[in-house]
Amino acid sequence: MTASEQITDEVTSWPGVEAGPGKRGEFAFKVGHREIGHLHGDRSAHFSFPRDVWAELSDQGRIADHPVFPGRVGPAARRIDSQADVDDVIALMRLNYERVVERHGLPEAA
C-alpha cells in the first residue's frame, strides 16, 4: 500500500473520522467539522497544533514549518519519505484526534 493508503486506512478506522478531498487539492481528515490533518499525496502531511504542542513537536524534530506559513507557530508540515514517517504522521493525526474528541466529543453520527 502507498503511504496515503496506509494513513487513510488507519485514520478512518477511528470513530467519527471522515476523509475526503479538500478545497485546495488536499485529502483532509475531519472529526465533525474540525480537521485533524490533511495529506498532499504520498509526500507530505499538514496539521495545525496549539502553540505549546507545536513547540514541543518542533523541538523533537517531528514537524517543520508549514510551507504556506513559514515562521508561524501552529501550522505544521511533515514530509513522508519512509515507513517511519508514515507511522509518525498517523501518530500526529492521533494526537489531534484525541485533542478534538476530548474537547468537543464525537459527532453524533459516530
C-alpha atoms as a PDB file:
ATOM      1  CA  MET A   1       0.000   0.000   0.000  1.00  0.00           C
ATOM      2  CA  THR A   2       1.088   3.572  -0.605  1.00  0.00           C
ATOM      3  CA  ALA A   3       1.793   5.966   2.260  1.00  0.00           C
ATOM      4  CA  SER A   4      -1.522   7.778   1.767  1.00  0.00           C
ATOM      5  CA  GLU A   5      -3.426   4.483   1.646  1.00  0.00           C
ATOM      6  CA  GLN A   6      -1.828   3.289   4.896  1.00  0.00           C
ATOM      7  CA  ILE A   7      -2.566   6.587   6.629  1.00  0.00           C
ATOM      8  CA  THR A   8      -6.131   6.714   5.297  1.00  0.00           C
ATOM      9  CA  ASP A   9      -6.883   3.118   6.298  1.00  0.00           C
ATOM     10  CA  GLU A  10      -5.708   3.702   9.862  1.00  0.00           C
ATOM     11  CA  VAL A  11      -7.091   7.192  10.482  1.00  0.00           C
ATOM     12  CA  THR A  12     -10.536   6.454   9.014  1.00  0.00           C
ATOM     13  CA  SER A  13     -10.824   3.416  11.308  1.00  0.00           C
ATOM     14  CA  TRP A  14     -11.138   5.769  14.305  1.00  0.00           C
ATOM     15  CA  PRO A  15     -14.702   6.558  15.405  1.00  0.00           C
ATOM     16  CA  GLY A  16     -16.069   9.772  13.926  1.00  0.00           C
ATOM     17  CA  VAL A  17     -13.320  10.361  11.350  1.00  0.00           C
ATOM     18  CA  GLU A  18     -14.349  11.194   7.818  1.00  0.00           C
ATOM     19  CA  ALA A  19     -11.955  11.767   4.946  1.00  0.00           C
ATOM     20  CA  GLY A  20     -12.188  13.248   1.508  1.00  0.00           C
ATOM     21  CA  PRO A  21     -10.933  15.847  -0.938  1.00  0.00           C
ATOM     22  CA  GLY A  22     -10.492  19.355   0.408  1.00  0.00           C
ATOM     23  CA  LYS A  23     -10.913  22.711  -1.288  1.00  0.00           C
ATOM     24  CA  ARG A  24      -7.272  23.081  -2.362  1.00  0.00           C
ATOM     25  CA  GLY A  25      -6.446  19.621  -3.677  1.00  0.00           C
ATOM     26  CA  GLU A  26      -5.569  18.153  -0.290  1.00  0.00           C
ATOM     27  CA  PHE A  27      -7.090  14.991   1.210  1.00  0.00           C
ATOM     28  CA  ALA A  28      -8.482  16.029   4.591  1.00  0.00           C
ATOM     29  CA  PHE A  29      -9.327  14.066   7.727  1.00  0.00           C
ATOM     30  CA  LYS A  30     -12.065  15.533   9.903  1.00  0.00           C
ATOM     31  CA  VAL A  31     -13.915  14.827  13.120  1.00  0.00           C
ATOM     32  CA  GLY A  32     -17.183  16.631  12.595  1.00  0.00           C
ATOM     33  CA  HIS A  33     -16.204  19.988  11.092  1.00  0.00           C
ATOM     34  CA  ARG A  34     -12.736  20.008  12.673  1.00  0.00           C
ATOM     35  CA  GLU A  35      -9.784  18.996  10.546  1.00  0.00           C
ATOM     36  CA  ILE A  36      -7.167  16.853  12.301  1.00  0.00           C
ATOM     37  CA  GLY A  37      -4.772  16.981   9.346  1.00  0.00           C
ATOM     38  CA  HIS A  38      -4.525  16.531   5.620  1.00  0.00           C
ATOM     39  CA  LEU A  39      -2.317  14.864   3.041  1.00  0.00           C
ATOM     40  CA  HIS A  40      -0.783  16.065  -0.182  1.00  0.00           C
ATOM     41  CA  GLY A  41      -0.494  12.754  -1.962  1.00  0.00           C
ATOM     42  CA  ASP A  42       2.149  10.416  -0.586  1.00  0.00           C
ATOM     43  CA  ARG A  43       4.739  13.138   0.035  1.00  0.00           C
ATOM     44  CA  SER A  44       3.560  15.374   2.887  1.00  0.00           C
ATOM     45  CA  ALA A  45       1.058  15.917   5.677  1.00  0.00           C
ATOM     46  CA  HIS A  46      -0.095  19.208   7.160  1.00  0.00           C
ATOM     47  CA  PHE A  47      -1.510  19.893  10.601  1.00  0.00           C
ATOM     48  CA  SER A  48      -2.352  22.671  12.997  1.00  0.00           C
ATOM     49  CA  PHE A  49      -1.367  22.472  16.667  1.00  0.00           C
ATOM     50  CA  PRO A  50      -1.699  24.731  19.712  1.00  0.00           C
ATOM     51  CA  ARG A  51       1.457  26.777  20.403  1.00  0.00           C
ATOM     52  CA  ASP A  52       2.761  24.569  23.238  1.00  0.00           C
ATOM     53  CA  VAL A  53       2.191  21.325  21.344  1.00  0.00           C
ATOM     54  CA  TRP A  54       3.691  22.811  18.167  1.00  0.00           C
ATOM     55  CA  ALA A  55       6.812  23.943  20.069  1.00  0.00           C
ATOM     56  CA  GLU A  56       7.322  20.516  21.634  1.00  0.00           C
ATOM     57  CA  LEU A  57       6.859  18.680  18.324  1.00  0.00           C
ATOM     58  CA  SER A  58       9.176  21.137  16.572  1.00  0.00           C
ATOM     59  CA  ASP A  59      11.839  20.698  19.265  1.00  0.00           C
ATOM     60  CA  GLN A  60      11.573  16.923  18.766  1.00  0.00           C
ATOM     61  CA  GLY A  61      12.098  17.350  15.010  1.00  0.00           C
ATOM     62  CA  ARG A  62       8.750  15.721  14.248  1.00  0.00           C
ATOM     63  CA  ILE A  63       7.306  18.707  12.357  1.00  0.00           C
ATOM     64  CA  ALA A  64       8.567  21.617  10.287  1.00  0.00           C
ATOM     65  CA  ASP A  65       7.115  24.967   9.285  1.00  0.00           C
ATOM     66  CA  HIS A  66       4.096  24.805   7.034  1.00  0.00           C
ATOM     67  CA  PRO A  67       5.249  25.952   3.579  1.00  0.00           C
ATOM     68  CA  VAL A  68       2.404  28.466   3.242  1.00  0.00           C
ATOM     69  CA  PHE A  69       3.039  29.912   6.729  1.00  0.00           C
ATOM     70  CA  PRO A  70       6.835  29.863   7.265  1.00  0.00           C
ATOM     71  CA  GLY A  71       7.860  31.068  10.703  1.00  0.00           C
ATOM     72  CA  ARG A  72       4.320  30.872  12.067  1.00  0.00           C
ATOM     73  CA  VAL A  73       3.670  28.786  15.178  1.00  0.00           C
ATOM     74  CA  GLY A  74       0.665  26.469  14.805  1.00  0.00           C
ATOM     75  CA  PRO A  75       0.562  25.326  11.178  1.00  0.00           C
ATOM     76  CA  ALA A  76       2.943  22.421  10.616  1.00  0.00           C
ATOM     77  CA  ALA A  77       4.219  20.086   7.933  1.00  0.00           C
ATOM     78  CA  ARG A  78       5.694  16.601   7.926  1.00  0.00           C
ATOM     79  CA  ARG A  79       7.444  15.086   4.921  1.00  0.00           C
ATOM     80  CA  ILE A  80       6.694  11.467   4.125  1.00  0.00           C
ATOM     81  CA  ASP A  81       9.801   9.665   2.899  1.00  0.00           C
ATOM     82  CA  SER A  82       9.779   6.374   4.824  1.00  0.00           C
ATOM     83  CA  GLN A  83       7.647   3.955   6.796  1.00  0.00           C
ATOM     84  CA  ALA A  84       8.773   5.718   9.975  1.00  0.00           C
ATOM     85  CA  ASP A  85       7.318   8.942   8.547  1.00  0.00           C
ATOM     86  CA  VAL A  86       4.024   7.172   7.751  1.00  0.00           C
ATOM     87  CA  ASP A  87       3.885   5.884  11.332  1.00  0.00           C
ATOM     88  CA  ASP A  88       4.593   9.328  12.773  1.00  0.00           C
ATOM     89  CA  VAL A  89       2.026  11.039  10.542  1.00  0.00           C
ATOM     90  CA  ILE A  90      -0.518   8.581  11.935  1.00  0.00           C
ATOM     91  CA  ALA A  91       0.665   9.389  15.473  1.00  0.00           C
ATOM     92  CA  LEU A  92       0.371  13.139  14.805  1.00  0.00           C
ATOM     93  CA  MET A  93      -3.145  12.677  13.419  1.00  0.00           C
ATOM     94  CA  ARG A  94      -3.980  10.643  16.518  1.00  0.00           C
ATOM     95  CA  LEU A  95      -2.685  13.435  18.738  1.00  0.00           C
ATOM     96  CA  ASN A  96      -5.039  15.903  17.045  1.00  0.00           C
ATOM     97  CA  TYR A  97      -7.875  13.367  17.042  1.00  0.00           C
ATOM     98  CA  GLU A  98      -7.605  12.842  20.790  1.00  0.00           C
ATOM     99  CA  ARG A  99      -7.463  16.608  21.418  1.00  0.00           C
ATOM    100  CA  VAL A 100     -10.613  17.203  19.333  1.00  0.00           C
ATOM    101  CA  VAL A 101     -12.565  14.320  20.865  1.00  0.00           C
ATOM    102  CA  GLU A 102     -11.567  15.322  24.400  1.00  0.00           C
ATOM    103  CA  ARG A 103     -12.609  18.916  23.824  1.00  0.00           C
ATOM    104  CA  HIS A 104     -15.675  18.502  21.587  1.00  0.00           C
ATOM    105  CA  GLY A 105     -16.682  14.845  21.765  1.00  0.00           C
ATOM    106  CA  LEU A 106     -17.523  12.637  18.818  1.00  0.00           C
ATOM    107  CA  PRO A 107     -20.022  13.760  16.175  1.00  0.00           C
ATOM    108  CA  GLU A 108     -23.481  12.363  16.835  1.00  0.00           C
ATOM    109  CA  ALA A 109     -23.350  10.165  13.733  1.00  0.00           C
ATOM    110  CA  ALA A 110     -20.330   8.328  15.183  1.00  0.00           C
END
